[in-house]
Protein backbone atom coordinates (compact mmCIF):
# COMPACT_ATOMS: atom_id res chain seq x y z
CA MET A 1 104.47 -10.91 -51.76
CA TYR A 2 106.60 -8.58 -49.62
CA PHE A 3 105.39 -5.54 -47.78
CA GLU A 4 106.92 -3.26 -50.51
CA ASP A 5 105.10 -5.07 -53.44
CA ILE A 6 101.55 -4.71 -51.56
CA GLU A 7 99.61 -1.53 -53.16
CA ILE A 8 96.90 0.34 -51.32
CA GLY A 9 93.71 -0.49 -53.30
CA SER A 10 94.73 -3.93 -54.16
CA LYS A 11 91.84 -6.39 -54.13
CA VAL A 12 91.19 -10.21 -53.66
CA LEU A 13 87.62 -11.14 -54.83
CA VAL A 14 86.00 -14.02 -53.07
CA PRO A 15 83.66 -16.00 -55.44
CA GLU A 16 80.20 -16.79 -54.51
CA ARG A 17 79.41 -19.37 -51.95
CA ARG A 18 75.96 -20.68 -51.10
CA VAL A 19 75.15 -20.82 -47.37
CA GLU A 20 74.25 -24.48 -46.91
CA GLU A 21 71.68 -24.91 -44.04
CA GLU A 22 73.10 -27.96 -42.50
CA GLU A 23 76.86 -26.45 -42.52
CA MET A 24 75.31 -23.31 -40.92
CA LEU A 25 73.48 -25.10 -38.35
CA ASP A 26 76.47 -27.43 -37.47
CA PHE A 27 78.59 -24.38 -37.00
CA ALA A 28 75.96 -22.76 -34.80
CA ARG A 29 75.60 -25.86 -32.63
CA LYS A 30 79.28 -26.20 -32.16
CA TYR A 31 80.28 -22.56 -31.54
CA ASN A 32 77.29 -20.36 -31.12
CA GLY A 33 74.42 -21.78 -29.33
CA SER A 34 72.32 -18.49 -29.49
CA LEU A 35 68.63 -19.60 -30.12
CA MET A 36 68.41 -17.19 -33.10
CA HIS A 37 70.95 -19.44 -34.84
CA VAL A 38 69.60 -23.00 -33.65
CA ASN A 39 66.23 -23.01 -32.67
CA GLU A 40 63.53 -22.78 -35.44
CA GLU A 41 60.60 -22.08 -33.06
CA PHE A 42 62.57 -19.27 -31.22
CA ALA A 43 63.67 -17.83 -34.51
CA SER A 44 60.13 -17.87 -36.02
CA ARG A 45 59.06 -15.57 -33.45
CA SER A 46 61.84 -13.18 -33.73
CA ARG A 47 62.04 -9.91 -35.99
CA MET A 48 63.76 -12.16 -38.74
CA GLY A 49 61.07 -14.83 -38.95
CA ARG A 50 63.44 -17.78 -39.26
CA ILE A 51 66.96 -19.02 -38.09
CA THR A 52 69.94 -16.64 -39.26
CA ALA A 53 73.57 -17.41 -39.73
CA SER A 54 76.01 -16.47 -36.99
CA GLY A 55 78.04 -13.58 -38.04
CA MET A 56 81.27 -15.61 -37.35
CA PHE A 57 80.03 -18.22 -39.64
CA THR A 58 79.36 -15.69 -42.38
CA TYR A 59 82.76 -14.25 -41.76
CA LEU A 60 84.75 -17.58 -41.88
CA LEU A 61 82.68 -18.82 -44.88
CA MET A 62 84.39 -15.94 -46.72
CA TRP A 63 87.76 -16.17 -44.86
CA GLY A 64 88.13 -19.74 -45.91
CA TYR A 65 88.79 -18.61 -49.36
CA TYR A 66 90.89 -15.43 -48.73
CA ALA A 67 93.06 -16.65 -46.12
CA PRO A 68 95.24 -18.80 -48.46
CA ARG A 69 95.37 -16.09 -51.02
CA ASN A 70 96.14 -13.14 -48.61
CA PHE A 71 98.24 -10.21 -49.83
CA GLY A 72 101.33 -11.37 -48.07
CA ALA A 73 101.07 -14.97 -48.70
CA GLU A 74 104.43 -16.64 -47.77
CA HIS A 75 105.58 -13.39 -46.26
CA GLU A 76 102.87 -12.99 -43.77
CA ILE A 77 104.03 -13.06 -40.41
CA ALA A 78 100.81 -12.60 -38.26
CA GLY A 79 97.54 -11.10 -38.42
CA MET A 80 97.17 -8.61 -35.25
CA THR A 81 93.60 -7.41 -35.06
CA ALA A 82 90.12 -7.94 -36.52
CA SER A 83 86.89 -6.10 -35.92
CA MET A 84 83.55 -6.92 -37.61
CA GLU A 85 80.18 -5.37 -38.14
CA PHE A 86 77.28 -7.57 -38.80
CA LEU A 87 75.06 -5.36 -41.01
CA ALA A 88 72.15 -7.39 -42.29
CA PRO A 89 70.83 -10.97 -41.51
CA VAL A 90 72.10 -13.92 -43.59
CA PHE A 91 69.87 -17.11 -44.21
CA ALA A 92 70.48 -20.54 -45.32
CA GLY A 93 70.33 -20.46 -49.08
CA ASP A 94 71.66 -17.07 -49.58
CA ARG A 95 74.69 -16.49 -51.89
CA LEU A 96 77.55 -14.63 -50.62
CA HIS A 97 80.75 -13.19 -52.18
CA ALA A 98 83.21 -10.79 -50.89
CA GLU A 99 86.13 -8.37 -51.84
CA VAL A 100 89.07 -7.68 -49.50
CA ILE A 101 90.83 -4.38 -50.13
CA VAL A 102 94.12 -3.12 -48.88
CA VAL A 103 93.14 0.26 -47.50
CA ASP A 104 96.34 1.50 -45.84
CA LYS A 105 99.90 0.39 -45.20
CA LYS A 106 102.80 1.50 -42.63
CA GLU A 107 106.21 0.52 -42.03
CA ARG A 108 106.68 -0.99 -38.49
CA ASN A 109 110.46 -1.51 -38.53
CA PRO A 110 113.51 -2.48 -40.72
CA TYR A 111 111.96 -6.06 -40.82
CA ASN A 112 108.22 -5.77 -41.63
CA GLY A 113 105.32 -3.45 -42.25
CA MET A 114 101.56 -3.73 -41.58
CA ILE A 115 98.66 -3.64 -44.05
CA PHE A 116 95.32 -2.77 -43.21
CA VAL A 117 92.34 -4.57 -45.05
CA GLU A 118 88.52 -4.24 -45.32
CA MET A 119 86.47 -7.24 -46.26
CA ASN A 120 82.90 -6.42 -47.38
CA VAL A 121 80.61 -9.51 -47.77
CA TYR A 122 77.68 -9.12 -50.00
CA ASN A 123 74.60 -11.43 -50.50
CA GLN A 124 72.74 -12.26 -53.70
CA ASP A 125 71.04 -8.73 -53.63
CA ASN A 126 74.40 -6.90 -53.51
CA ILE A 127 73.59 -5.84 -49.92
CA VAL A 128 76.69 -5.57 -47.66
CA VAL A 129 75.80 -8.11 -44.86
CA LEU A 130 79.17 -7.91 -42.98
CA ARG A 131 82.16 -5.62 -43.00
CA ALA A 132 85.31 -6.53 -41.22
CA LYS A 133 88.57 -4.66 -40.88
CA GLY A 134 92.06 -6.26 -39.88
CA ASP A 135 95.78 -5.91 -40.26
CA ASP A 136 98.41 -8.02 -41.17
CA VAL A 137 102.42 -7.83 -40.30
CA ILE A 138 104.14 -8.59 -43.58
CA GLN A 139 107.72 -9.17 -43.99
CA ARG A 140 109.85 -6.48 -45.64
CA ARG A 141 112.30 -7.40 -48.67
CA PRO A 142 115.48 -8.32 -47.21
């Protein structure tokens, strides 16, 4: 989709994914060795009482579905920035889903524009566990 075809308010819904314990732990062992994400004994003494998923794992679990379906598709040039807020803990067995919304857009130059998106990730209780904001450079119609 070209920049001109993308409308503010457009959405992509990310279907429910179950947080699989082994996948969650494997990610944490490889990319985030924080004790709250890998050590059961440590986590049991924490405020959460058990191991929590890392925020990046949670984000990427949803991103894996969204990325190939992003608003720009074959006309996406590059992502520029991303920011995340980790709002509530995620545990093995949780069921997550998300929505990604175009919240703004602006022209950059004669060749491309930028869209601004917000991803809200919800657990099975419909609590927002993660909010991410980012922007994408999208090719303009030739």
